Amino acid sequence: MATTTEPTTLQAAHTAASERRPPSNADLTAWVAFHQGNARMYRIVADIDRWHHHEAMYWVGYEERKAGEVSARIQAEKSHNN
């Protein structure tokens, strides 16, 4: 049985994020989940990979902003369709 381990370094987190990136034509909710998951992952990595703490925290903010932007786009499309 294969087990999945969470990244413990910033480099491994970048690799994990690129490997689970949804296709460009994925539903917007998949993109929100992707960015939210990345934010959680980078927050954990920031606590483990102390040499890259501040850079990992930058990525937390980036991913949270992207999730917010996509969520806003979803809401705008819902408002437009009503």
PDB file of N, CA and C in Angstrom:
ATOM      1  N   MET A   1       0.843  -1.179   0.000  1.00  0.00           N
ATOM      2  CA  MET A   1       0.000   0.000   0.000  1.00  0.00           C
ATOM      3  C   MET A   1       0.885   1.237   0.000  1.00  0.00           C
ATOM      4  N   ALA A   2       0.636   2.148  -0.919  1.00  0.00           N
ATOM      5  CA  ALA A   2       1.418   3.377  -1.019  1.00  0.00           C
ATOM      6  C   ALA A   2       0.900   4.395  -0.008  1.00  0.00           C
ATOM      7  N   THR A   3       1.820   5.085   0.615  1.00  0.00           N
ATOM      8  CA  THR A   3       1.433   6.144   1.544  1.00  0.00           C
ATOM      9  C   THR A   3       1.916   7.468   0.988  1.00  0.00           C
ATOM     10  N   THR A   4       1.135   8.488   1.228  1.00  0.00           N
ATOM     11  CA  THR A   4       1.494   9.824   0.773  1.00  0.00           C
ATOM     12  C   THR A   4       2.020  10.602   1.969  1.00  0.00           C
ATOM     13  N   THR A   5       3.183  11.181   1.801  1.00  0.00           N
ATOM     14  CA  THR A   5       3.726  12.015   2.864  1.00  0.00           C
ATOM     15  C   THR A   5       3.633  13.464   2.439  1.00  0.00           C
ATOM     16  N   GLU A   6       3.350  14.298   3.394  1.00  0.00           N
ATOM     17  CA  GLU A   6       3.268  15.728   3.130  1.00  0.00           C
ATOM     18  C   GLU A   6       4.680  16.299   3.013  1.00  0.00           C
ATOM     19  N   PRO A   7       4.846  17.325   2.210  1.00  0.00           N
ATOM     20  CA  PRO A   7       6.162  17.951   2.059  1.00  0.00           C
ATOM     21  C   PRO A   7       6.647  18.545   3.382  1.00  0.00           C
ATOM     22  N   THR A   8       7.958  18.494   3.578  1.00  0.00           N
ATOM     23  CA  THR A   8       8.551  19.086   4.777  1.00  0.00           C
ATOM     24  C   THR A   8       9.545  20.188   4.433  1.00  0.00           C
ATOM     25  N   THR A   9       9.764  20.417   3.148  1.00  0.00           N
ATOM     26  CA  THR A   9      10.633  21.507   2.724  1.00  0.00           C
ATOM     27  C   THR A   9       9.874  22.372   1.723  1.00  0.00           C
ATOM     28  N   LEU A  10      10.339  23.590   1.582  1.00  0.00           N
ATOM     29  CA  LEU A  10       9.697  24.498   0.635  1.00  0.00           C
ATOM     30  C   LEU A  10       9.802  23.956  -0.784  1.00  0.00           C
ATOM     31  N   GLN A  11      10.960  23.424  -1.147  1.00  0.00           N
ATOM     32  CA  GLN A  11      11.138  22.868  -2.486  1.00  0.00           C
ATOM     33  C   GLN A  11      10.165  21.714  -2.730  1.00  0.00           C
ATOM     34  N   ALA A  12      10.023  20.835  -1.752  1.00  0.00           N
ATOM     35  CA  ALA A  12       9.085  19.712  -1.897  1.00  0.00           C
ATOM     36  C   ALA A  12       7.648  20.214  -2.003  1.00  0.00           C
ATOM     37  N   ALA A  13       7.333  21.288  -1.300  1.00  0.00           N
ATOM     38  CA  ALA A  13       5.988  21.864  -1.381  1.00  0.00           C
ATOM     39  C   ALA A  13       5.721  22.410  -2.776  1.00  0.00           C
ATOM     40  N   HIS A  14       6.705  23.080  -3.366  1.00  0.00           N
ATOM     41  CA  HIS A  14       6.543  23.589  -4.734  1.00  0.00           C
ATOM     42  C   HIS A  14       6.306  22.431  -5.699  1.00  0.00           C
ATOM     43  N   THR A  15       7.057  21.367  -5.517  1.00  0.00           N
ATOM     44  CA  THR A  15       6.903  20.197  -6.388  1.00  0.00           C
ATOM     45  C   THR A  15       5.520  19.586  -6.219  1.00  0.00           C
ATOM     46  N   ALA A  16       5.077  19.437  -4.972  1.00  0.00           N
ATOM     47  CA  ALA A  16       3.749  18.865  -4.707  1.00  0.00           C
ATOM     48  C   ALA A  16       2.654  19.731  -5.313  1.00  0.00           C
ATOM     49  N   ALA A  17       2.794  21.046  -5.194  1.00  0.00           N
ATOM     50  CA  ALA A  17       1.783  21.953  -5.751  1.00  0.00           C
ATOM     51  C   ALA A  17       1.704  21.804  -7.268  1.00  0.00           C
ATOM     52  N   SER A  18       2.849  21.711  -7.918  1.00  0.00           N
ATOM     53  CA  SER A  18       2.820  21.591  -9.379  1.00  0.00           C
ATOM     54  C   SER A  18       2.273  20.237  -9.821  1.00  0.00           C
ATOM     55  N   GLU A  19       2.497  19.203  -9.021  1.00  0.00           N
ATOM     56  CA  GLU A  19       2.003  17.876  -9.382  1.00  0.00           C
ATOM     57  C   GLU A  19       0.493  17.750  -9.231  1.00  0.00           C
ATOM     58  N   ARG A  20      -0.106  18.497  -8.305  1.00  0.00           N
ATOM     59  CA  ARG A  20      -1.549  18.368  -8.117  1.00  0.00           C
ATOM     60  C   ARG A  20      -2.335  19.519  -8.736  1.00  0.00           C
ATOM     61  N   ARG A  21      -1.662  20.326  -9.515  1.00  0.00           N
ATOM     62  CA  ARG A  21      -2.319  21.453 -10.190  1.00  0.00           C
ATOM     63  C   ARG A  21      -3.416  20.930 -11.121  1.00  0.00           C
ATOM     64  N   PRO A  22      -4.623  21.494 -11.027  1.00  0.00           N
ATOM     65  CA  PRO A  22      -5.699  21.043 -11.923  1.00  0.00           C
ATOM     66  C   PRO A  22      -5.431  21.488 -13.364  1.00  0.00           C
ATOM     67  N   PRO A  23      -6.076  20.843 -14.313  1.00  0.00           N
ATOM     68  CA  PRO A  23      -5.931  21.287 -15.701  1.00  0.00           C
ATOM     69  C   PRO A  23      -6.490  22.705 -15.863  1.00  0.00           C
ATOM     70  N   SER A  24      -6.003  23.422 -16.830  1.00  0.00           N
ATOM     71  CA  SER A  24      -6.405  24.822 -17.001  1.00  0.00           C
ATOM     72  C   SER A  24      -7.903  24.980 -17.230  1.00  0.00           C
ATOM     73  N   ASN A  25      -8.554  23.953 -17.728  1.00  0.00           N
ATOM     74  CA  ASN A  25      -9.994  24.043 -17.984  1.00  0.00           C
ATOM     75  C   ASN A  25     -10.829  23.458 -16.839  1.00  0.00           C
ATOM     76  N   ALA A  26     -10.206  23.238 -15.692  1.00  0.00           N
ATOM     77  CA  ALA A  26     -10.926  22.673 -14.544  1.00  0.00           C
ATOM     78  C   ALA A  26     -11.980  23.648 -14.035  1.00  0.00           C
ATOM     79  N   ASP A  27     -12.987  23.106 -13.388  1.00  0.00           N
ATOM     80  CA  ASP A  27     -14.030  23.906 -12.769  1.00  0.00           C
ATOM     81  C   ASP A  27     -13.402  24.865 -11.764  1.00  0.00           C
ATOM     82  N   LEU A  28     -13.977  26.039 -11.617  1.00  0.00           N
ATOM     83  CA  LEU A  28     -13.422  27.041 -10.704  1.00  0.00           C
ATOM     84  C   LEU A  28     -13.372  26.555  -9.261  1.00  0.00           C
ATOM     85  N   THR A  29     -14.314  25.710  -8.865  1.00  0.00           N
ATOM     86  CA  THR A  29     -14.270  25.196  -7.495  1.00  0.00           C
ATOM     87  C   THR A  29     -13.041  24.327  -7.278  1.00  0.00           C
ATOM     88  N   ALA A  30     -12.571  23.651  -8.323  1.00  0.00           N
ATOM     89  CA  ALA A  30     -11.340  22.856  -8.216  1.00  0.00           C
ATOM     90  C   ALA A  30     -10.144  23.783  -7.986  1.00  0.00           C
ATOM     91  N   TRP A  31     -10.174  24.946  -8.618  1.00  0.00           N
ATOM     92  CA  TRP A  31      -9.084  25.905  -8.433  1.00  0.00           C
ATOM     93  C   TRP A  31      -9.095  26.505  -7.028  1.00  0.00           C
ATOM     94  N   VAL A  32     -10.278  26.770  -6.494  1.00  0.00           N
ATOM     95  CA  VAL A  32     -10.355  27.271  -5.118  1.00  0.00           C
ATOM     96  C   VAL A  32      -9.778  26.231  -4.171  1.00  0.00           C
ATOM     97  N   ALA A  33     -10.191  24.987  -4.339  1.00  0.00           N
ATOM     98  CA  ALA A  33      -9.690  23.912  -3.478  1.00  0.00           C
ATOM     99  C   ALA A  33      -8.180  23.759  -3.622  1.00  0.00           C
ATOM    100  N   PHE A  34      -7.669  23.883  -4.823  1.00  0.00           N
ATOM    101  CA  PHE A  34      -6.222  23.782  -5.075  1.00  0.00           C
ATOM    102  C   PHE A  34      -5.474  24.866  -4.307  1.00  0.00           C
ATOM    103  N   HIS A  35      -5.918  26.102  -4.429  1.00  0.00           N
ATOM    104  CA  HIS A  35      -5.229  27.207  -3.758  1.00  0.00           C
ATOM    105  C   HIS A  35      -5.372  27.128  -2.234  1.00  0.00           C
ATOM    106  N   GLN A  36      -6.540  26.735  -1.756  1.00  0.00           N
ATOM    107  CA  GLN A  36      -6.722  26.585  -0.309  1.00  0.00           C
ATOM    108  C   GLN A  36      -5.835  25.466   0.237  1.00  0.00           C
ATOM    109  N   GLY A  37      -5.761  24.363  -0.494  1.00  0.00           N
ATOM    110  CA  GLY A  37      -4.896  23.257  -0.080  1.00  0.00           C
ATOM    111  C   GLY A  37      -3.436  23.658  -0.071  1.00  0.00           C
ATOM    112  N   ASN A  38      -3.030  24.426  -1.068  1.00  0.00           N
ATOM    113  CA  ASN A  38      -1.652  24.904  -1.111  1.00  0.00           C
ATOM    114  C   ASN A  38      -1.354  25.822   0.067  1.00  0.00           C
ATOM    115  N   ALA A  39      -2.291  26.693   0.392  1.00  0.00           N
ATOM    116  CA  ALA A  39      -2.087  27.605   1.529  1.00  0.00           C
ATOM    117  C   ALA A  39      -1.873  26.809   2.810  1.00  0.00           C
ATOM    118  N   ARG A  40      -2.703  25.784   3.026  1.00  0.00           N
ATOM    119  CA  ARG A  40      -2.541  24.941   4.221  1.00  0.00           C
ATOM    120  C   ARG A  40      -1.176  24.248   4.209  1.00  0.00           C
ATOM    121  N   MET A  41      -0.787  23.716   3.056  1.00  0.00           N
ATOM    122  CA  MET A  41       0.485  23.018   2.931  1.00  0.00           C
ATOM    123  C   MET A  41       1.653  23.958   3.217  1.00  0.00           C
ATOM    124  N   TYR A  42       1.650  25.134   2.634  1.00  0.00           N
ATOM    125  CA  TYR A  42       2.754  26.079   2.852  1.00  0.00           C
ATOM    126  C   TYR A  42       2.804  26.552   4.307  1.00  0.00           C
ATOM    127  N   ARG A  43       1.651  26.669   4.954  1.00  0.00           N
ATOM    128  CA  ARG A  43       1.629  27.074   6.365  1.00  0.00           C
ATOM    129  C   ARG A  43       2.318  25.994   7.225  1.00  0.00           C
ATOM    130  N   ILE A  44       2.047  24.741   6.941  1.00  0.00           N
ATOM    131  CA  ILE A  44       2.696  23.647   7.671  1.00  0.00           C
ATOM    132  C   ILE A  44       4.188  23.635   7.395  1.00  0.00           C
ATOM    133  N   VAL A  45       4.557  23.790   6.128  1.00  0.00           N
ATOM    134  CA  VAL A  45       5.973  23.793   5.753  1.00  0.00           C
ATOM    135  C   VAL A  45       6.707  24.949   6.429  1.00  0.00           C
ATOM    136  N   ALA A  46       6.049  26.085   6.563  1.00  0.00           N
ATOM    137  CA  ALA A  46       6.678  27.245   7.217  1.00  0.00           C
ATOM    138  C   ALA A  46       7.092  26.919   8.644  1.00  0.00           C
ATOM    139  N   ASP A  47       6.334  26.065   9.301  1.00  0.00           N
ATOM    140  CA  ASP A  47       6.670  25.679  10.677  1.00  0.00           C
ATOM    141  C   ASP A  47       7.754  24.604  10.734  1.00  0.00           C
ATOM    142  N   ILE A  48       7.899  23.843   9.671  1.00  0.00           N
ATOM    143  CA  ILE A  48       8.876  22.750   9.658  1.00  0.00           C
ATOM    144  C   ILE A  48      10.211  23.203   9.065  1.00  0.00           C
ATOM    145  N   ASP A  49      10.163  23.833   7.898  1.00  0.00           N
ATOM    146  CA  ASP A  49      11.371  24.269   7.185  1.00  0.00           C
ATOM    147  C   ASP A  49      11.701  25.693   7.644  1.00  0.00           C
ATOM    148  N   ARG A  50      12.269  25.786   8.828  1.00  0.00           N
ATOM    149  CA  ARG A  50      12.502  27.097   9.446  1.00  0.00           C
ATOM    150  C   ARG A  50      13.460  27.976   8.639  1.00  0.00           C
ATOM    151  N   TRP A  51      14.326  27.396   7.846  1.00  0.00           N
ATOM    152  CA  TRP A  51      15.231  28.197   7.022  1.00  0.00           C
ATOM    153  C   TRP A  51      14.480  28.949   5.940  1.00  0.00           C
ATOM    154  N   HIS A  52      13.297  28.465   5.595  1.00  0.00           N
ATOM    155  CA  HIS A  52      12.489  29.096   4.546  1.00  0.00           C
ATOM    156  C   HIS A  52      11.143  29.583   5.079  1.00  0.00           C
ATOM    157  N   HIS A  53      11.085  29.829   6.371  1.00  0.00           N
ATOM    158  CA  HIS A  53       9.819  30.224   7.018  1.00  0.00           C
ATOM    159  C   HIS A  53       9.170  31.429   6.332  1.00  0.00           C
ATOM    160  N   HIS A  54       9.913  32.501   6.151  1.00  0.00           N
ATOM    161  CA  HIS A  54       9.325  33.731   5.601  1.00  0.00           C
ATOM    162  C   HIS A  54       8.903  33.559   4.144  1.00  0.00           C
ATOM    163  N   GLU A  55       9.679  32.825   3.386  1.00  0.00           N
ATOM    164  CA  GLU A  55       9.309  32.581   1.997  1.00  0.00           C
ATOM    165  C   GLU A  55       8.056  31.696   1.927  1.00  0.00           C
ATOM    166  N   ALA A  56       7.988  30.692   2.785  1.00  0.00           N
ATOM    167  CA  ALA A  56       6.797  29.835   2.816  1.00  0.00           C
ATOM    168  C   ALA A  56       5.572  30.647   3.213  1.00  0.00           C
ATOM    169  N   MET A  57       5.728  31.570   4.149  1.00  0.00           N
ATOM    170  CA  MET A  57       4.611  32.413   4.559  1.00  0.00           C
ATOM    171  C   MET A  57       4.187  33.358   3.425  1.00  0.00           C
ATOM    172  N   TYR A  58       5.128  33.781   2.592  1.00  0.00           N
ATOM    173  CA  TYR A  58       4.758  34.545   1.401  1.00  0.00           C
ATOM    174  C   TYR A  58       3.809  33.704   0.544  1.00  0.00           C
ATOM    175  N   TRP A  59       4.159  32.429   0.350  1.00  0.00           N
ATOM    176  CA  TRP A  59       3.339  31.552  -0.480  1.00  0.00           C
ATOM    177  C   TRP A  59       1.978  31.283   0.147  1.00  0.00           C
ATOM    178  N   VAL A  60       1.905  31.255   1.476  1.00  0.00           N
ATOM    179  CA  VAL A  60       0.604  31.140   2.142  1.00  0.00           C
ATOM    180  C   VAL A  60      -0.275  32.308   1.711  1.00  0.00           C
ATOM    181  N   GLY A  61       0.256  33.515   1.820  1.00  0.00           N
ATOM    182  CA  GLY A  61      -0.502  34.699   1.431  1.00  0.00           C
ATOM    183  C   GLY A  61      -0.885  34.701  -0.033  1.00  0.00           C
ATOM    184  N   TYR A  62       0.042  34.307  -0.874  1.00  0.00           N
ATOM    185  CA  TYR A  62      -0.221  34.251  -2.314  1.00  0.00           C
ATOM    186  C   TYR A  62      -1.383  33.303  -2.605  1.00  0.00           C
ATOM    187  N   GLU A  63      -1.302  32.104  -2.049  1.00  0.00           N
ATOM    188  CA  GLU A  63      -2.342  31.108  -2.313  1.00  0.00           C
ATOM    189  C   GLU A  63      -3.688  31.534  -1.730  1.00  0.00           C
ATOM    190  N   GLU A  64      -3.683  32.165  -0.569  1.00  0.00           N
ATOM    191  CA  GLU A  64      -4.939  32.664   0.002  1.00  0.00           C
ATOM    192  C   GLU A  64      -5.538  33.759  -0.878  1.00  0.00           C
ATOM    193  N   ARG A  65      -4.692  34.637  -1.420  1.00  0.00           N
ATOM    194  CA  ARG A  65      -5.193  35.688  -2.334  1.00  0.00           C
ATOM    195  C   ARG A  65      -5.785  35.067  -3.591  1.00  0.00           C
ATOM    196  N   LYS A  66      -5.088  34.086  -4.160  1.00  0.00           N
ATOM    197  CA  LYS A  66      -5.591  33.442  -5.378  1.00  0.00           C
ATOM    198  C   LYS A  66      -6.919  32.746  -5.118  1.00  0.00           C
ATOM    199  N   ALA A  67      -7.039  32.056  -3.972  1.00  0.00           N
ATOM    200  CA  ALA A  67      -8.308  31.402  -3.623  1.00  0.00           C
ATOM    201  C   ALA A  67      -9.415  32.442  -3.507  1.00  0.00           C
ATOM    202  N   GLY A  68      -9.107  33.581  -2.895  1.00  0.00           N
ATOM    203  CA  GLY A  68     -10.087  34.655  -2.771  1.00  0.00           C
ATOM    204  C   GLY A  68     -10.502  35.218  -4.115  1.00  0.00           C
ATOM    205  N   GLU A  69      -9.545  35.385  -5.016  1.00  0.00           N
ATOM    206  CA  GLU A  69      -9.851  35.911  -6.349  1.00  0.00           C
ATOM    207  C   GLU A  69     -10.765  34.960  -7.116  1.00  0.00           C
ATOM    208  N   VAL A  70     -10.475  33.665  -7.048  1.00  0.00           N
ATOM    209  CA  VAL A  70     -11.297  32.696  -7.766  1.00  0.00           C
ATOM    210  C   VAL A  70     -12.683  32.610  -7.121  1.00  0.00           C
ATOM    211  N   SER A  71     -12.750  32.663  -5.804  1.00  0.00           N
ATOM    212  CA  SER A  71     -14.044  32.657  -5.106  1.00  0.00           C
ATOM    213  C   SER A  71     -14.876  33.868  -5.513  1.00  0.00           C
ATOM    214  N   ALA A  72     -14.236  35.017  -5.613  1.00  0.00           N
ATOM    215  CA  ALA A  72     -14.939  36.231  -6.040  1.00  0.00           C
ATOM    216  C   ALA A  72     -15.450  36.080  -7.469  1.00  0.00           C
ATOM    217  N   ARG A  73     -14.678  35.440  -8.310  1.00  0.00           N
ATOM    218  CA  ARG A  73     -15.096  35.208  -9.693  1.00  0.00           C
ATOM    219  C   ARG A  73     -16.319  34.291  -9.733  1.00  0.00           C
ATOM    220  N   ILE A  74     -16.312  33.262  -8.884  1.00  0.00           N
ATOM    221  CA  ILE A  74     -17.466  32.362  -8.808  1.00  0.00           C
ATOM    222  C   ILE A  74     -18.706  33.142  -8.385  1.00  0.00           C
ATOM    223  N   GLN A  75     -18.562  33.972  -7.354  1.00  0.00           N
ATOM    224  CA  GLN A  75     -19.694  34.761  -6.868  1.00  0.00           C
ATOM    225  C   GLN A  75     -20.185  35.733  -7.934  1.00  0.00           C
ATOM    226  N   ALA A  76     -19.262  36.349  -8.663  1.00  0.00           N
ATOM    227  CA  ALA A  76     -19.651  37.277  -9.721  1.00  0.00           C
ATOM    228  C   ALA A  76     -20.426  36.557 -10.821  1.00  0.00           C
ATOM    229  N   GLU A  77     -19.985  35.354 -11.161  1.00  0.00           N
ATOM    230  CA  GLU A  77     -20.691  34.596 -12.197  1.00  0.00           C
ATOM    231  C   GLU A  77     -22.070  34.177 -11.715  1.00  0.00           C
ATOM    232  N   LYS A  78     -22.193  33.825 -10.416  1.00  0.00           N
ATOM    233  CA  LYS A  78     -23.508  33.481  -9.875  1.00  0.00           C
ATOM    234  C   LYS A  78     -24.425  34.696  -9.913  1.00  0.00           C
ATOM    235  N   SER A  79     -23.920  35.863  -9.541  1.00  0.00           N
ATOM    236  CA  SER A  79     -24.717  37.082  -9.544  1.00  0.00           C
ATOM    237  C   SER A  79     -25.142  37.448 -10.956  1.00  0.00           C
ATOM    238  N   HIS A  80     -24.240  37.273 -11.893  1.00  0.00           N
ATOM    239  CA  HIS A  80     -24.524  37.596 -13.289  1.00  0.00           C
ATOM    240  C   HIS A  80     -25.591  36.671 -13.882  1.00  0.00           C
ATOM    241  N   ASN A  81     -25.594  35.423 -13.445  1.00  0.00           N
ATOM    242  CA  ASN A  81     -26.539  34.442 -13.972  1.00  0.00           C
ATOM    243  C   ASN A  81     -27.911  34.537 -13.321  1.00  0.00           C
ATOM    244  N   ASN A  82     -28.040  35.276 -12.245  1.00  0.00           N
ATOM    245  CA  ASN A  82     -29.345  35.402 -11.572  1.00  0.00           C
ATOM    246  C   ASN A  82     -30.111  36.577 -12.055  1.00  0.00           C
TER     247      ASN A  82
END
